[in-house]
C-alpha cells in the first residue's frame, strides 16, 4: 500500500544530502544576488539625487524660473540630507 493515493514508494525519488545542499546553496546565492542588486540600485539612486541637487544649486535665477522654482525652493531641495526622498 502506498503512502498517498496514486503514489508508489518505489518511484518516489528523494533528494540526496548533496542535492539538498546544492539546492540550499543556490537559494542562498540567489538571495545574496537580489540583495546586491537592491544595494546597487539604492547607490545609483543616491548618486542621481546628489548630482541633481548639486546641479540645482548651481542654476541661475533665470534657469530656476524656467523650471518653476524660486531660489529659496532650490536651496531647500539642495540642502536635503542624502537619504531624504
Protein backbone atom coordinates (compact mmCIF):
# COMPACT_ATOMS: atom_id res chain seq x y z
CA UNK A 1 0.00 0.00 0.00
CA UNK A 2 1.33 3.45 -0.87
CA UNK A 3 1.67 6.40 1.47
CA UNK A 4 -0.62 8.61 -0.61
CA UNK A 5 -3.18 7.51 -3.16
CA UNK A 6 -1.58 7.20 -6.57
CA UNK A 7 1.99 7.43 -5.26
CA UNK A 8 4.26 4.44 -5.48
CA UNK A 9 7.06 4.43 -2.88
CA UNK A 10 9.44 2.68 -5.26
CA UNK A 11 9.12 5.51 -7.79
CA UNK A 12 9.39 8.35 -5.26
CA UNK A 13 12.78 9.99 -5.60
CA UNK A 14 14.02 11.82 -2.53
CA UNK A 15 16.99 14.16 -2.93
CA UNK A 16 20.32 13.07 -1.53
CA UNK A 17 22.09 15.20 1.06
CA UNK A 18 24.41 16.53 -1.64
CA UNK A 19 21.47 17.54 -3.85
CA UNK A 20 19.69 19.17 -0.92
CA UNK A 21 22.87 21.08 -0.05
CA UNK A 22 23.23 22.27 -3.66
CA UNK A 23 19.63 23.50 -3.70
CA UNK A 24 20.18 25.34 -0.40
CA UNK A 25 23.37 26.97 -1.70
CA UNK A 26 21.61 28.09 -4.89
CA UNK A 27 18.80 29.55 -2.80
CA UNK A 28 21.26 31.45 -0.59
CA UNK A 29 23.23 32.75 -3.56
CA UNK A 30 20.09 33.96 -5.33
CA UNK A 31 19.13 35.85 -2.15
CA UNK A 32 22.58 37.44 -1.99
CA UNK A 33 22.34 38.45 -5.64
CA UNK A 34 18.95 40.07 -5.01
CA UNK A 35 20.36 41.99 -2.04
CA UNK A 36 23.37 43.08 -4.06
CA UNK A 37 21.02 44.28 -6.79
CA UNK A 38 18.95 46.24 -4.28
CA UNK A 39 22.07 47.74 -2.73
CA UNK A 40 23.37 48.77 -6.16
CA UNK A 41 20.03 50.31 -7.13
CA UNK A 42 19.97 52.36 -3.90
CA UNK A 43 23.53 53.52 -4.51
CA UNK A 44 22.66 54.66 -8.04
CA UNK A 45 19.52 56.46 -6.81
CA UNK A 46 21.51 58.20 -4.08
CA UNK A 47 24.12 59.32 -6.62
CA UNK A 48 21.46 60.62 -9.01
CA UNK A 49 19.79 62.63 -6.22
CA UNK A 50 23.14 64.02 -5.14
CA UNK A 51 24.08 65.12 -8.66
CA UNK A 52 20.62 66.55 -9.34
CA UNK A 53 20.68 68.58 -6.12
CA UNK A 54 24.19 69.77 -6.89
CA UNK A 55 23.09 70.90 -10.37
CA UNK A 56 20.01 72.57 -8.92
CA UNK A 57 22.19 74.53 -6.52
CA UNK A 58 24.25 75.86 -9.44
CA UNK A 59 21.36 77.09 -11.60
CA UNK A 60 20.89 80.81 -12.19
CA UNK A 61 17.70 82.62 -11.17
CA UNK A 62 16.59 82.69 -14.81
CA UNK A 63 17.10 78.93 -15.19
CA UNK A 64 15.21 78.31 -11.95
CA UNK A 65 12.36 80.47 -13.21
CA UNK A 66 12.28 78.35 -16.39
CA UNK A 67 11.63 75.21 -14.33
CA UNK A 68 9.19 76.95 -11.99
CA UNK A 69 11.31 77.19 -8.84
CA UNK A 70 12.41 80.06 -6.68
CA UNK A 71 15.92 80.41 -5.27
CA UNK A 72 14.52 79.62 -1.80
CA UNK A 73 12.87 76.38 -3.03
CA UNK A 74 16.07 75.34 -4.85
CA UNK A 75 18.16 75.99 -1.73
CA UNK A 76 15.74 73.97 0.39
CA UNK A 77 15.88 71.00 -2.00
CA UNK A 78 19.66 71.17 -2.39
CA UNK A 79 20.17 71.18 1.37
CA UNK A 80 18.23 67.93 1.95
CA UNK A 81 20.07 65.01 3.51
CA UNK A 82 21.32 62.24 1.23
CA UNK A 83 18.68 59.74 2.39
CA UNK A 84 15.77 62.17 2.02
CA UNK A 85 13.26 61.27 -0.71
